[in-house]
Structure formats: structure tokens, C-alpha cells
Protein backbone atom coordinates (compact mmCIF):
# COMPACT_ATOMS: atom_id res chain seq x y z
CA GLU A 1 -26.83 70.50 1.81
CA PRO A 2 -24.49 69.09 -0.95
CA MET A 3 -26.36 67.88 -4.13
CA ASN A 4 -25.07 65.59 -6.96
CA PRO A 5 -25.37 66.99 -10.53
CA TYR A 6 -28.81 65.50 -11.30
CA GLU A 7 -30.30 66.99 -8.11
CA ARG A 8 -28.88 70.52 -9.21
CA ARG A 9 -29.93 70.19 -12.58
CA ILE A 10 -33.44 69.38 -11.58
CA ILE A 11 -33.74 72.64 -9.65
CA HIS A 12 -32.20 74.77 -12.21
CA SER A 13 -34.54 73.44 -14.90
CA ALA A 14 -37.66 73.92 -12.78
CA LEU A 15 -36.98 77.48 -12.13
CA GLN A 16 -35.12 78.70 -15.05
CA ASN A 17 -38.15 80.59 -16.59
CA ASP A 18 -39.46 81.75 -13.16
CA LYS A 19 -39.85 85.56 -13.28
CA PHE A 20 -38.96 86.20 -9.53
CA VAL A 21 -36.33 83.86 -8.47
CA ALA A 22 -32.88 82.48 -10.20
CA THR A 23 -30.32 79.99 -9.30
CA ARG A 24 -26.73 79.48 -9.34
CA SER A 25 -24.35 76.63 -7.97
CA GLU A 26 -21.73 77.15 -5.42
CA GLY A 27 -18.64 75.18 -3.91
CA GLU A 28 -16.71 72.37 -5.20
CA GLU A 29 -17.47 68.94 -5.69
CA PRO A 30 -18.67 66.91 -3.71
CA PHE A 31 -20.03 69.83 -2.02
CA ARG A 32 -21.59 71.84 -4.64
CA HIS A 33 -25.16 73.05 -3.75
CA VAL A 34 -27.59 75.28 -5.44
CA ILE A 35 -28.43 78.81 -4.40
CA VAL A 36 -31.97 80.26 -5.12
CA TYR A 37 -32.25 84.02 -4.98
CA LEU A 38 -34.78 86.73 -5.84
CA LYS A 39 -33.77 88.16 -9.34
CA ASN A 40 -35.49 91.89 -8.45
CA ASP A 41 -36.84 93.00 -5.18
CA TYR A 42 -39.49 95.41 -6.36
CA ARG A 43 -38.82 97.33 -3.12
CA SER A 44 -35.55 98.20 -3.90
CA GLY A 45 -36.13 99.66 -7.33
CA GLY A 46 -35.06 96.43 -9.42
CA ARG A 47 -31.68 95.63 -7.75
CA ASP A 48 -30.54 92.09 -7.26
CA ASN A 49 -31.53 91.08 -3.73
CA TYR A 50 -28.15 89.29 -2.96
CA LYS A 51 -26.27 92.37 -3.77
CA LYS A 52 -28.26 94.74 -1.83
CA ASP A 53 -26.00 97.73 -0.19
CA TYR A 54 -27.47 98.86 3.10
CA GLY A 55 -25.45 101.98 3.27
CA ARG A 56 -22.86 100.89 5.55
CA ASN A 57 -20.11 103.08 5.92
């Protein structure tokens, strides 16, 4: 759901020091929104979750 800059900043600020999740903004105004994702998945040896490669050929 689109968020205004103030709302996005609140999310980024609240999670900036979290050791498990990170945030980023995506999209073009007025449709920008925040993506929250795991920094590291302990089950995958520390690889970023959103870049996970499932071995598809």
C-alpha cells in the first residue's frame, strides 16, 4: 500500500537498529512503499533472504 514520506520514515527509523530485519523503499511517488526483509537467514548460512537462490536451472 502506498505510504507518504513521513510514514515511510517512521518505519525506517523504527527498524534501523534491528539486527534481524532491514527496510528499503520502492516505487515511484505517489506509490512508494516500504519493504521489510530479513537481513540474514540463519538457516541459509547468512545469505540475504530476498536474494536466495533455490538452485533452479
